[in-house]
């Protein structure tokens, strides 16, 4: 945990953020600035600043993040489709430097995304 990282604090239950999913290694919650009717963030509880810092032994964790996203989309009724986004680095659009998977749905997604 990094003491100044808001996502580390959310994962540790130190904020009043409603967690939609929580396990020993993954937490999911609604984005405070949603870009779609449904906008959820899925994070590893351990601080990993970005995908560039993930290690080979994080492969199972990364896969579980995708499966948590799949579970939540089914639970929230996004059966018509959804988008998963993982921004990496400032130029890639990452603004919080704790790796997080965006789950976006509830509207028609456009391509290219931006």
PDB file of N, CA and C in Angstrom:
ATOM      1  N   UNK A   1       0.846  -1.190   0.000  1.00  0.00           N
ATOM      2  CA  UNK A   1       0.000   0.000   0.000  1.00  0.00           C
ATOM      3  C   UNK A   1       0.880   1.237   0.000  1.00  0.00           C
ATOM      4  N   UNK A   2       0.492   2.213  -0.782  1.00  0.00           N
ATOM      5  CA  UNK A   2       1.139   3.509  -0.789  1.00  0.00           C
ATOM      6  C   UNK A   2       0.207   4.468  -0.054  1.00  0.00           C
ATOM      7  N   UNK A   3       0.681   5.098   1.010  1.00  0.00           N
ATOM      8  CA  UNK A   3      -0.199   5.878   1.885  1.00  0.00           C
ATOM      9  C   UNK A   3      -0.903   7.047   1.202  1.00  0.00           C
ATOM     10  N   UNK A   4      -0.324   7.592   0.139  1.00  0.00           N
ATOM     11  CA  UNK A   4      -0.934   8.734  -0.535  1.00  0.00           C
ATOM     12  C   UNK A   4      -1.799   8.330  -1.733  1.00  0.00           C
ATOM     13  N   UNK A   5      -1.910   7.049  -2.001  1.00  0.00           N
ATOM     14  CA  UNK A   5      -2.671   6.565  -3.153  1.00  0.00           C
ATOM     15  C   UNK A   5      -4.133   6.362  -2.761  1.00  0.00           C
ATOM     16  N   UNK A   6      -5.030   7.107  -3.397  1.00  0.00           N
ATOM     17  CA  UNK A   6      -6.451   7.008  -3.077  1.00  0.00           C
ATOM     18  C   UNK A   6      -6.982   5.605  -3.354  1.00  0.00           C
ATOM     19  N   UNK A   7      -6.513   4.946  -4.403  1.00  0.00           N
ATOM     20  CA  UNK A   7      -7.011   3.606  -4.705  1.00  0.00           C
ATOM     21  C   UNK A   7      -6.530   2.592  -3.668  1.00  0.00           C
ATOM     22  N   UNK A   8      -5.327   2.749  -3.137  1.00  0.00           N
ATOM     23  CA  UNK A   8      -4.868   1.883  -2.045  1.00  0.00           C
ATOM     24  C   UNK A   8      -5.770   2.062  -0.828  1.00  0.00           C
ATOM     25  N   UNK A   9      -6.140   3.309  -0.538  1.00  0.00           N
ATOM     26  CA  UNK A   9      -7.007   3.592   0.603  1.00  0.00           C
ATOM     27  C   UNK A   9      -8.398   2.999   0.399  1.00  0.00           C
ATOM     28  N   UNK A  10      -8.912   3.067  -0.827  1.00  0.00           N
ATOM     29  CA  UNK A  10     -10.215   2.466  -1.126  1.00  0.00           C
ATOM     30  C   UNK A  10     -10.136   0.952  -0.946  1.00  0.00           C
ATOM     31  N   UNK A  11      -9.089   0.336  -1.473  1.00  0.00           N
ATOM     32  CA  UNK A  11      -8.931  -1.123  -1.362  1.00  0.00           C
ATOM     33  C   UNK A  11      -8.844  -1.571   0.097  1.00  0.00           C
ATOM     34  N   UNK A  12      -8.245  -0.745   0.942  1.00  0.00           N
ATOM     35  CA  UNK A  12      -8.109  -1.076   2.363  1.00  0.00           C
ATOM     36  C   UNK A  12      -9.362  -0.731   3.172  1.00  0.00           C
ATOM     37  N   UNK A  13     -10.384  -0.170   2.522  1.00  0.00           N
ATOM     38  CA  UNK A  13     -11.613   0.175   3.217  1.00  0.00           C
ATOM     39  C   UNK A  13     -11.501   1.429   4.071  1.00  0.00           C
ATOM     40  N   UNK A  14     -10.541   2.292   3.748  1.00  0.00           N
ATOM     41  CA  UNK A  14     -10.300   3.503   4.535  1.00  0.00           C
ATOM     42  C   UNK A  14     -11.128   4.703   4.063  1.00  0.00           C
ATOM     43  N   UNK A  15     -11.972   4.520   3.075  1.00  0.00           N
ATOM     44  CA  UNK A  15     -12.839   5.597   2.591  1.00  0.00           C
ATOM     45  C   UNK A  15     -14.280   5.100   2.660  1.00  0.00           C
ATOM     46  N   UNK A  16     -15.221   5.990   2.438  1.00  0.00           N
ATOM     47  CA  UNK A  16     -16.628   5.583   2.454  1.00  0.00           C
ATOM     48  C   UNK A  16     -17.128   5.154   1.072  1.00  0.00           C
ATOM     49  N   UNK A  17     -16.204   4.844   0.182  1.00  0.00           N
ATOM     50  CA  UNK A  17     -16.540   4.392  -1.167  1.00  0.00           C
ATOM     51  C   UNK A  17     -17.302   3.070  -1.109  1.00  0.00           C
ATOM     52  N   UNK A  18     -18.433   3.003  -1.823  1.00  0.00           N
ATOM     53  CA  UNK A  18     -19.188   1.756  -1.903  1.00  0.00           C
ATOM     54  C   UNK A  18     -18.431   0.790  -2.808  1.00  0.00           C
ATOM     55  N   UNK A  19     -18.044  -0.324  -2.257  1.00  0.00           N
ATOM     56  CA  UNK A  19     -17.344  -1.331  -3.047  1.00  0.00           C
ATOM     57  C   UNK A  19     -18.372  -2.312  -3.627  1.00  0.00           C
ATOM     58  N   UNK A  20     -18.334  -2.483  -4.937  1.00  0.00           N
ATOM     59  CA  UNK A  20     -19.238  -3.413  -5.605  1.00  0.00           C
ATOM     60  C   UNK A  20     -18.705  -4.837  -5.543  1.00  0.00           C
ATOM     61  N   UNK A  21     -17.397  -4.955  -5.354  1.00  0.00           N
ATOM     62  CA  UNK A  21     -16.744  -6.253  -5.253  1.00  0.00           C
ATOM     63  C   UNK A  21     -15.501  -6.064  -4.394  1.00  0.00           C
ATOM     64  N   UNK A  22     -15.245  -7.007  -3.521  1.00  0.00           N
ATOM     65  CA  UNK A  22     -14.028  -6.956  -2.709  1.00  0.00           C
ATOM     66  C   UNK A  22     -13.587  -8.371  -2.372  1.00  0.00           C
ATOM     67  N   UNK A  23     -12.314  -8.637  -2.622  1.00  0.00           N
ATOM     68  CA  UNK A  23     -11.704  -9.911  -2.250  1.00  0.00           C
ATOM     69  C   UNK A  23     -10.331  -9.592  -1.663  1.00  0.00           C
ATOM     70  N   UNK A  24      -9.568 -10.624  -1.386  1.00  0.00           N
ATOM     71  CA  UNK A  24      -8.216 -10.417  -0.840  1.00  0.00           C
ATOM     72  C   UNK A  24      -7.311  -9.668  -1.804  1.00  0.00           C
ATOM     73  N   UNK A  25      -7.572  -9.798  -3.108  1.00  0.00           N
ATOM     74  CA  UNK A  25      -6.630  -9.214  -4.066  1.00  0.00           C
ATOM     75  C   UNK A  25      -7.225  -8.212  -5.059  1.00  0.00           C
ATOM     76  N   UNK A  26      -8.565  -8.071  -5.093  1.00  0.00           N
ATOM     77  CA  UNK A  26      -9.210  -7.185  -6.070  1.00  0.00           C
ATOM     78  C   UNK A  26     -10.379  -6.441  -5.421  1.00  0.00           C
ATOM     79  N   UNK A  27     -10.538  -5.178  -5.820  1.00  0.00           N
ATOM     80  CA  UNK A  27     -11.668  -4.358  -5.379  1.00  0.00           C
ATOM     81  C   UNK A  27     -12.274  -3.679  -6.603  1.00  0.00           C
ATOM     82  N   UNK A  28     -13.594  -3.512  -6.611  1.00  0.00           N
ATOM     83  CA  UNK A  28     -14.272  -2.794  -7.694  1.00  0.00           C
ATOM     84  C   UNK A  28     -15.255  -1.803  -7.084  1.00  0.00           C
ATOM     85  N   UNK A  29     -15.355  -0.642  -7.718  1.00  0.00           N
ATOM     86  CA  UNK A  29     -16.220   0.428  -7.231  1.00  0.00           C
ATOM     87  C   UNK A  29     -16.593   1.337  -8.387  1.00  0.00           C
ATOM     88  N   UNK A  30     -17.602   2.164  -8.206  1.00  0.00           N
ATOM     89  CA  UNK A  30     -18.045   3.083  -9.251  1.00  0.00           C
ATOM     90  C   UNK A  30     -17.068   4.249  -9.380  1.00  0.00           C
ATOM     91  N   UNK A  31     -16.829   4.683 -10.618  1.00  0.00           N
ATOM     92  CA  UNK A  31     -15.974   5.834 -10.875  1.00  0.00           C
ATOM     93  C   UNK A  31     -16.695   7.097 -10.400  1.00  0.00           C
ATOM     94  N   UNK A  32     -15.968   7.994  -9.757  1.00  0.00           N
ATOM     95  CA  UNK A  32     -16.568   9.245  -9.273  1.00  0.00           C
ATOM     96  C   UNK A  32     -16.899  10.222 -10.393  1.00  0.00           C
ATOM     97  N   UNK A  33     -16.225  10.059 -11.552  1.00  0.00           N
ATOM     98  CA  UNK A  33     -16.499  10.904 -12.719  1.00  0.00           C
ATOM     99  C   UNK A  33     -16.864  10.004 -13.894  1.00  0.00           C
ATOM    100  N   UNK A  34     -18.063   9.437 -13.872  1.00  0.00           N
ATOM    101  CA  UNK A  34     -18.419   8.437 -14.888  1.00  0.00           C
ATOM    102  C   UNK A  34     -18.439   9.005 -16.304  1.00  0.00           C
ATOM    103  N   UNK A  35     -17.943   8.193 -17.228  1.00  0.00           N
ATOM    104  CA  UNK A  35     -17.921   8.532 -18.651  1.00  0.00           C
ATOM    105  C   UNK A  35     -18.973   7.749 -19.429  1.00  0.00           C
ATOM    106  N   UNK A  36     -19.794   6.992 -18.716  1.00  0.00           N
ATOM    107  CA  UNK A  36     -20.888   6.208 -19.301  1.00  0.00           C
ATOM    108  C   UNK A  36     -21.903   5.983 -18.183  1.00  0.00           C
ATOM    109  N   UNK A  37     -23.126   5.586 -18.522  1.00  0.00           N
ATOM    110  CA  UNK A  37     -24.117   5.329 -17.469  1.00  0.00           C
ATOM    111  C   UNK A  37     -23.621   4.338 -16.413  1.00  0.00           C
ATOM    112  N   UNK A  38     -22.878   3.339 -16.840  1.00  0.00           N
ATOM    113  CA  UNK A  38     -22.200   2.434 -15.913  1.00  0.00           C
ATOM    114  C   UNK A  38     -20.711   2.613 -16.118  1.00  0.00           C
ATOM    115  N   UNK A  39     -20.004   2.970 -15.055  1.00  0.00           N
ATOM    116  CA  UNK A  39     -18.551   3.158 -15.123  1.00  0.00           C
ATOM    117  C   UNK A  39     -17.974   2.667 -13.798  1.00  0.00           C
ATOM    118  N   UNK A  40     -17.352   1.513 -13.874  1.00  0.00           N
ATOM    119  CA  UNK A  40     -16.786   0.843 -12.702  1.00  0.00           C
ATOM    120  C   UNK A  40     -15.282   0.751 -12.871  1.00  0.00           C
ATOM    121  N   UNK A  41     -14.567   0.828 -11.771  1.00  0.00           N
ATOM    122  CA  UNK A  41     -13.117   0.616 -11.772  1.00  0.00           C
ATOM    123  C   UNK A  41     -12.825  -0.677 -11.028  1.00  0.00           C
ATOM    124  N   UNK A  42     -11.983  -1.512 -11.626  1.00  0.00           N
ATOM    125  CA  UNK A  42     -11.542  -2.758 -11.015  1.00  0.00           C
ATOM    126  C   UNK A  42     -10.048  -2.597 -10.771  1.00  0.00           C
ATOM    127  N   UNK A  43      -9.629  -2.740  -9.509  1.00  0.00           N
ATOM    128  CA  UNK A  43      -8.234  -2.495  -9.155  1.00  0.00           C
ATOM    129  C   UNK A  43      -7.630  -3.686  -8.413  1.00  0.00           C
ATOM    130  N   UNK A  44      -6.311  -3.865  -8.538  1.00  0.00           N
ATOM    131  CA  UNK A  44      -5.646  -4.816  -7.653  1.00  0.00           C
ATOM    132  C   UNK A  44      -5.493  -4.141  -6.287  1.00  0.00           C
ATOM    133  N   UNK A  45      -5.642  -4.880  -5.220  1.00  0.00           N
ATOM    134  CA  UNK A  45      -5.481  -4.290  -3.892  1.00  0.00           C
ATOM    135  C   UNK A  45      -4.029  -3.913  -3.622  1.00  0.00           C
ATOM    136  N   UNK A  46      -3.110  -4.672  -4.170  1.00  0.00           N
ATOM    137  CA  UNK A  46      -1.687  -4.351  -4.032  1.00  0.00           C
ATOM    138  C   UNK A  46      -1.366  -3.216  -4.984  1.00  0.00           C
ATOM    139  N   UNK A  47      -0.585  -2.258  -4.535  1.00  0.00           N
ATOM    140  CA  UNK A  47      -0.248  -1.118  -5.380  1.00  0.00           C
ATOM    141  C   UNK A  47       0.644  -1.558  -6.540  1.00  0.00           C
ATOM    142  N   UNK A  48       0.110  -1.433  -7.737  1.00  0.00           N
ATOM    143  CA  UNK A  48       0.855  -1.594  -8.988  1.00  0.00           C
ATOM    144  C   UNK A  48       0.561  -0.304  -9.738  1.00  0.00           C
ATOM    145  N   UNK A  49       1.568   0.521  -9.949  1.00  0.00           N
ATOM    146  CA  UNK A  49       1.339   1.862 -10.496  1.00  0.00           C
ATOM    147  C   UNK A  49       0.690   1.836 -11.874  1.00  0.00           C
ATOM    148  N   UNK A  50       1.117   0.927 -12.741  1.00  0.00           N
ATOM    149  CA  UNK A  50       0.555   0.828 -14.091  1.00  0.00           C
ATOM    150  C   UNK A  50       0.830  -0.566 -14.631  1.00  0.00           C
ATOM    151  N   UNK A  51       0.259  -0.858 -15.768  1.00  0.00           N
ATOM    152  CA  UNK A  51       0.510  -2.158 -16.389  1.00  0.00           C
ATOM    153  C   UNK A  51       1.996  -2.357 -16.653  1.00  0.00           C
ATOM    154  N   UNK A  52       2.709  -1.272 -16.907  1.00  0.00           N
ATOM    155  CA  UNK A  52       4.150  -1.382 -17.143  1.00  0.00           C
ATOM    156  C   UNK A  52       4.902  -1.918 -15.932  1.00  0.00           C
ATOM    157  N   UNK A  53       4.323  -1.849 -14.755  1.00  0.00           N
ATOM    158  CA  UNK A  53       4.976  -2.352 -13.547  1.00  0.00           C
ATOM    159  C   UNK A  53       4.504  -3.749 -13.155  1.00  0.00           C
ATOM    160  N   UNK A  54       3.550  -4.303 -13.895  1.00  0.00           N
ATOM    161  CA  UNK A  54       3.095  -5.664 -13.607  1.00  0.00           C
ATOM    162  C   UNK A  54       4.221  -6.637 -13.924  1.00  0.00           C
ATOM    163  N   UNK A  55       4.250  -7.713 -13.144  1.00  0.00           N
ATOM    164  CA  UNK A  55       5.287  -8.729 -13.307  1.00  0.00           C
ATOM    165  C   UNK A  55       4.676 -10.012 -13.882  1.00  0.00           C
ATOM    166  N   UNK A  56       5.541 -10.877 -14.294  1.00  0.00           N
ATOM    167  CA  UNK A  56       5.103 -12.172 -14.825  1.00  0.00           C
ATOM    168  C   UNK A  56       4.204 -12.894 -13.830  1.00  0.00           C
ATOM    169  N   UNK A  57       4.536 -12.823 -12.545  1.00  0.00           N
ATOM    170  CA  UNK A  57       3.721 -13.525 -11.551  1.00  0.00           C
ATOM    171  C   UNK A  57       2.410 -12.795 -11.237  1.00  0.00           C
ATOM    172  N   UNK A  58       2.134 -11.673 -11.907  1.00  0.00           N
ATOM    173  CA  UNK A  58       0.850 -10.988 -11.786  1.00  0.00           C
ATOM    174  C   UNK A  58      -0.158 -11.473 -12.824  1.00  0.00           C
ATOM    175  N   UNK A  59       0.227 -12.411 -13.660  1.00  0.00           N
ATOM    176  CA  UNK A  59      -0.650 -12.854 -14.750  1.00  0.00           C
ATOM    177  C   UNK A  59      -2.003 -13.352 -14.233  1.00  0.00           C
ATOM    178  N   UNK A  60      -2.011 -14.136 -13.182  1.00  0.00           N
ATOM    179  CA  UNK A  60      -3.276 -14.650 -12.645  1.00  0.00           C
ATOM    180  C   UNK A  60      -4.127 -13.506 -12.085  1.00  0.00           C
ATOM    181  N   UNK A  61      -3.508 -12.551 -11.423  1.00  0.00           N
ATOM    182  CA  UNK A  61      -4.220 -11.390 -10.896  1.00  0.00           C
ATOM    183  C   UNK A  61      -4.863 -10.593 -12.026  1.00  0.00           C
ATOM    184  N   UNK A  62      -4.121 -10.367 -13.090  1.00  0.00           N
ATOM    185  CA  UNK A  62      -4.660  -9.622 -14.233  1.00  0.00           C
ATOM    186  C   UNK A  62      -5.841 -10.363 -14.849  1.00  0.00           C
ATOM    187  N   UNK A  63      -5.738 -11.669 -14.948  1.00  0.00           N
ATOM    188  CA  UNK A  63      -6.849 -12.470 -15.463  1.00  0.00           C
ATOM    189  C   UNK A  63      -8.065 -12.406 -14.558  1.00  0.00           C
ATOM    190  N   UNK A  64      -7.845 -12.459 -13.249  1.00  0.00           N
ATOM    191  CA  UNK A  64      -8.963 -12.364 -12.307  1.00  0.00           C
ATOM    192  C   UNK A  64      -9.647 -11.000 -12.404  1.00  0.00           C
ATOM    193  N   UNK A  65      -8.872  -9.941 -12.662  1.00  0.00           N
ATOM    194  CA  UNK A  65      -9.483  -8.626 -12.840  1.00  0.00           C
ATOM    195  C   UNK A  65     -10.476  -8.649 -13.992  1.00  0.00           C
ATOM    196  N   UNK A  66     -10.103  -9.310 -15.081  1.00  0.00           N
ATOM    197  CA  UNK A  66     -11.008  -9.418 -16.225  1.00  0.00           C
ATOM    198  C   UNK A  66     -12.254 -10.225 -15.861  1.00  0.00           C
ATOM    199  N   UNK A  67     -12.088 -11.291 -15.097  1.00  0.00           N
ATOM    200  CA  UNK A  67     -13.232 -12.115 -14.709  1.00  0.00           C
ATOM    201  C   UNK A  67     -14.144 -11.384 -13.729  1.00  0.00           C
ATOM    202  N   UNK A  68     -13.578 -10.559 -12.846  1.00  0.00           N
ATOM    203  CA  UNK A  68     -14.401  -9.728 -11.964  1.00  0.00           C
ATOM    204  C   UNK A  68     -15.230  -8.763 -12.816  1.00  0.00           C
ATOM    205  N   UNK A  69     -14.595  -8.156 -13.824  1.00  0.00           N
ATOM    206  CA  UNK A  69     -15.325  -7.263 -14.732  1.00  0.00           C
ATOM    207  C   UNK A  69     -16.471  -8.019 -15.398  1.00  0.00           C
ATOM    208  N   UNK A  70     -16.197  -9.211 -15.881  1.00  0.00           N
ATOM    209  CA  UNK A  70     -17.239 -10.033 -16.521  1.00  0.00           C
ATOM    210  C   UNK A  70     -18.380 -10.313 -15.550  1.00  0.00           C
ATOM    211  N   UNK A  71     -18.060 -10.669 -14.336  1.00  0.00           N
ATOM    212  CA  UNK A  71     -19.072 -10.956 -13.312  1.00  0.00           C
ATOM    213  C   UNK A  71     -19.935  -9.714 -13.053  1.00  0.00           C
ATOM    214  N   UNK A  72     -19.286  -8.561 -12.902  1.00  0.00           N
ATOM    215  CA  UNK A  72     -20.029  -7.331 -12.614  1.00  0.00           C
ATOM    216  C   UNK A  72     -20.920  -6.913 -13.782  1.00  0.00           C
ATOM    217  N   UNK A  73     -20.443  -7.072 -15.004  1.00  0.00           N
ATOM    218  CA  UNK A  73     -21.271  -6.692 -16.153  1.00  0.00           C
ATOM    219  C   UNK A  73     -22.525  -7.563 -16.228  1.00  0.00           C
ATOM    220  N   UNK A  74     -22.387  -8.841 -15.903  1.00  0.00           N
ATOM    221  CA  UNK A  74     -23.554  -9.722 -15.886  1.00  0.00           C
ATOM    222  C   UNK A  74     -24.510  -9.308 -14.768  1.00  0.00           C
ATOM    223  N   UNK A  75     -23.951  -9.012 -13.606  1.00  0.00           N
ATOM    224  CA  UNK A  75     -24.753  -8.613 -12.451  1.00  0.00           C
ATOM    225  C   UNK A  75     -25.496  -7.296 -12.703  1.00  0.00           C
ATOM    226  N   UNK A  76     -24.877  -6.395 -13.448  1.00  0.00           N
ATOM    227  CA  UNK A  76     -25.461  -5.078 -13.700  1.00  0.00           C
ATOM    228  C   UNK A  76     -26.279  -5.014 -14.989  1.00  0.00           C
ATOM    229  N   UNK A  77     -26.442  -6.143 -15.663  1.00  0.00           N
ATOM    230  CA  UNK A  77     -27.313  -6.205 -16.833  1.00  0.00           C
ATOM    231  C   UNK A  77     -26.743  -5.577 -18.091  1.00  0.00           C
ATOM    232  N   UNK A  78     -25.435  -5.609 -18.247  1.00  0.00           N
ATOM    233  CA  UNK A  78     -24.823  -5.049 -19.455  1.00  0.00           C
ATOM    234  C   UNK A  78     -24.703  -6.113 -20.545  1.00  0.00           C
ATOM    235  N   UNK A  79     -25.807  -6.820 -20.780  1.00  0.00           N
ATOM    236  CA  UNK A  79     -25.804  -7.932 -21.730  1.00  0.00           C
ATOM    237  C   UNK A  79     -25.766  -7.478 -23.187  1.00  0.00           C
ATOM    238  N   UNK A  80     -25.965  -6.192 -23.455  1.00  0.00           N
ATOM    239  CA  UNK A  80     -25.905  -5.687 -24.837  1.00  0.00           C
ATOM    240  C   UNK A  80     -24.485  -5.288 -25.222  1.00  0.00           C
ATOM    241  N   UNK A  81     -23.575  -5.290 -24.256  1.00  0.00           N
ATOM    242  CA  UNK A  81     -22.186  -4.977 -24.536  1.00  0.00           C
ATOM    243  C   UNK A  81     -21.593  -3.990 -23.550  1.00  0.00           C
ATOM    244  N   UNK A  82     -20.292  -3.949 -23.527  1.00  0.00           N
ATOM    245  CA  UNK A  82     -19.552  -3.057 -22.632  1.00  0.00           C
ATOM    246  C   UNK A  82     -18.133  -2.927 -23.158  1.00  0.00           C
ATOM    247  N   UNK A  83     -17.394  -2.012 -22.579  1.00  0.00           N
ATOM    248  CA  UNK A  83     -16.007  -1.787 -22.993  1.00  0.00           C
ATOM    249  C   UNK A  83     -15.115  -1.855 -21.756  1.00  0.00           C
ATOM    250  N   UNK A  84     -13.951  -2.499 -21.918  1.00  0.00           N
ATOM    251  CA  UNK A  84     -12.917  -2.524 -20.888  1.00  0.00           C
ATOM    252  C   UNK A  84     -11.753  -1.688 -21.382  1.00  0.00           C
ATOM    253  N   UNK A  85     -11.233  -0.804 -20.519  1.00  0.00           N
ATOM    254  CA  UNK A  85     -10.128   0.086 -20.885  1.00  0.00           C
ATOM    255  C   UNK A  85      -9.099   0.056 -19.768  1.00  0.00           C
ATOM    256  N   UNK A  86      -7.841  -0.068 -20.128  1.00  0.00           N
ATOM    257  CA  UNK A  86      -6.745   0.010 -19.171  1.00  0.00           C
ATOM    258  C   UNK A  86      -5.751   1.037 -19.697  1.00  0.00           C
ATOM    259  N   UNK A  87      -5.821   2.259 -19.171  1.00  0.00           N
ATOM    260  CA  UNK A  87      -4.905   3.321 -19.591  1.00  0.00           C
ATOM    261  C   UNK A  87      -3.553   3.119 -18.907  1.00  0.00           C
ATOM    262  N   UNK A  88      -2.481   3.343 -19.649  1.00  0.00           N
ATOM    263  CA  UNK A  88      -1.139   3.173 -19.098  1.00  0.00           C
ATOM    264  C   UNK A  88      -0.292   4.395 -19.419  1.00  0.00           C
ATOM    265  N   UNK A  89       0.180   5.061 -18.375  1.00  0.00           N
ATOM    266  CA  UNK A  89       1.029   6.235 -18.543  1.00  0.00           C
ATOM    267  C   UNK A  89       0.218   7.479 -18.839  1.00  0.00           C
ATOM    268  N   UNK A  90       0.841   8.629 -18.587  1.00  0.00           N
ATOM    269  CA  UNK A  90       0.156   9.911 -18.775  1.00  0.00           C
ATOM    270  C   UNK A  90      -0.328  10.100 -20.209  1.00  0.00           C
ATOM    271  N   UNK A  91       0.495   9.764 -21.185  1.00  0.00           N
ATOM    272  CA  UNK A  91       0.091   9.940 -22.578  1.00  0.00           C
ATOM    273  C   UNK A  91      -1.006   8.956 -22.977  1.00  0.00           C
ATOM    274  N   UNK A  92      -1.088   7.836 -22.258  1.00  0.00           N
ATOM    275  CA  UNK A  92      -2.153   6.866 -22.506  1.00  0.00           C
ATOM    276  C   UNK A  92      -3.450   7.211 -21.799  1.00  0.00           C
ATOM    277  N   UNK A  93      -3.459   8.324 -21.057  1.00  0.00           N
ATOM    278  CA  UNK A  93      -4.679   8.772 -20.391  1.00  0.00           C
ATOM    279  C   UNK A  93      -4.791   8.372 -18.931  1.00  0.00           C
ATOM    280  N   UNK A  94      -3.746   7.764 -18.372  1.00  0.00           N
ATOM    281  CA  UNK A  94      -3.809   7.373 -16.969  1.00  0.00           C
ATOM    282  C   UNK A  94      -3.663   8.608 -16.085  1.00  0.00           C
ATOM    283  N   UNK A  95      -4.612   8.811 -15.168  1.00  0.00           N
ATOM    284  CA  UNK A  95      -4.555   9.978 -14.280  1.00  0.00           C
ATOM    285  C   UNK A  95      -4.327   9.594 -12.823  1.00  0.00           C
ATOM    286  N   UNK A  96      -4.682   8.375 -12.440  1.00  0.00           N
ATOM    287  CA  UNK A  96      -4.382   7.857 -11.105  1.00  0.00           C
ATOM    288  C   UNK A  96      -3.384   6.732 -11.308  1.00  0.00           C
ATOM    289  N   UNK A  97      -2.226   6.854 -10.690  1.00  0.00           N
ATOM    290  CA  UNK A  97      -1.160   5.899 -10.938  1.00  0.00           C
ATOM    291  C   UNK A  97      -1.202   4.734  -9.956  1.00  0.00           C
ATOM    292  N   UNK A  98      -2.316   4.036 -10.030  1.00  0.00           N
ATOM    293  CA  UNK A  98      -2.571   2.728  -9.434  1.00  0.00           C
ATOM    294  C   UNK A  98      -3.352   2.024 -10.539  1.00  0.00           C
ATOM    295  N   UNK A  99      -2.808   0.959 -11.074  1.00  0.00           N
ATOM    296  CA  UNK A  99      -3.426   0.300 -12.222  1.00  0.00           C
ATOM    297  C   UNK A  99      -4.916   0.077 -11.970  1.00  0.00           C
ATOM    298  N   UNK A 100      -5.740   0.386 -12.959  1.00  0.00           N
ATOM    299  CA  UNK A 100      -7.172   0.182 -12.834  1.00  0.00           C
ATOM    300  C   UNK A 100      -7.787  -0.090 -14.201  1.00  0.00           C
ATOM    301  N   UNK A 101      -8.742  -0.999 -14.184  1.00  0.00           N
ATOM    302  CA  UNK A 101      -9.473  -1.394 -15.378  1.00  0.00           C
ATOM    303  C   UNK A 101     -10.819  -0.685 -15.355  1.00  0.00           C
ATOM    304  N   UNK A 102     -11.096   0.102 -16.390  1.00  0.00           N
ATOM    305  CA  UNK A 102     -12.388   0.776 -16.521  1.00  0.00           C
ATOM    306  C   UNK A 102     -13.377  -0.188 -17.159  1.00  0.00           C
ATOM    307  N   UNK A 103     -14.560  -0.282 -16.607  1.00  0.00           N
ATOM    308  CA  UNK A 103     -15.657  -1.058 -17.172  1.00  0.00           C
ATOM    309  C   UNK A 103     -16.743  -0.041 -17.522  1.00  0.00           C
ATOM    310  N   UNK A 104     -16.993   0.120 -18.811  1.00  0.00           N
ATOM    311  CA  UNK A 104     -17.926   1.133 -19.305  1.00  0.00           C
ATOM    312  C   UNK A 104     -19.081   0.464 -20.033  1.00  0.00           C
ATOM    313  N   UNK A 105     -20.292   0.896 -19.744  1.00  0.00           N
ATOM    314  CA  UNK A 105     -21.438   0.318 -20.436  1.00  0.00           C
ATOM    315  C   UNK A 105     -22.684   1.154 -20.236  1.00  0.00           C
ATOM    316  N   UNK A 106     -23.772   0.680 -20.819  1.00  0.00           N
ATOM    317  CA  UNK A 106     -25.043   1.358 -20.686  1.00  0.00           C
ATOM    318  C   UNK A 106     -25.332   2.354 -21.795  1.00  0.00           C
ATOM    319  N   UNK A 107     -24.459   2.417 -22.790  1.00  0.00           N
ATOM    320  CA  UNK A 107     -24.677   3.280 -23.958  1.00  0.00           C
ATOM    321  C   UNK A 107     -23.872   2.702 -25.122  1.00  0.00           C
ATOM    322  N   UNK A 108     -24.172   3.177 -26.311  1.00  0.00           N
ATOM    323  CA  UNK A 108     -23.427   2.749 -27.492  1.00  0.00           C
ATOM    324  C   UNK A 108     -22.011   3.344 -27.432  1.00  0.00           C
ATOM    325  N   UNK A 109     -21.016   2.495 -27.543  1.00  0.00           N
ATOM    326  CA  UNK A 109     -19.625   2.949 -27.553  1.00  0.00           C
ATOM    327  C   UNK A 109     -19.242   3.321 -28.992  1.00  0.00           C
ATOM    328  N   UNK A 110     -18.385   4.282 -29.120  1.00  0.00           N
ATOM    329  CA  UNK A 110     -17.927   4.747 -30.440  1.00  0.00           C
ATOM    330  C   UNK A 110     -16.502   4.274 -30.712  1.00  0.00           C
ATOM    331  N   UNK A 111     -16.107   4.267 -31.976  1.00  0.00           N
ATOM    332  CA  UNK A 111     -14.752   3.914 -32.367  1.00  0.00           C
ATOM    333  C   UNK A 111     -14.273   4.893 -33.428  1.00  0.00           C
ATOM    334  N   UNK A 112     -13.114   5.421 -33.376  1.00  0.00           N
ATOM    335  CA  UNK A 112     -12.111   5.160 -32.337  1.00  0.00           C
ATOM    336  C   UNK A 112     -12.481   5.843 -31.027  1.00  0.00           C
ATOM    337  N   UNK A 113     -11.948   5.329 -29.914  1.00  0.00           N
ATOM    338  CA  UNK A 113     -12.375   5.826 -28.606  1.00  0.00           C
ATOM    339  C   UNK A 113     -11.864   7.212 -28.243  1.00  0.00           C
ATOM    340  N   UNK A 114     -10.806   7.715 -28.850  1.00  0.00           N
ATOM    341  CA  UNK A 114     -10.373   9.063 -28.507  1.00  0.00           C
ATOM    342  C   UNK A 114      -8.890   9.241 -28.502  1.00  0.00           C
TER     343      UNK A 114
END
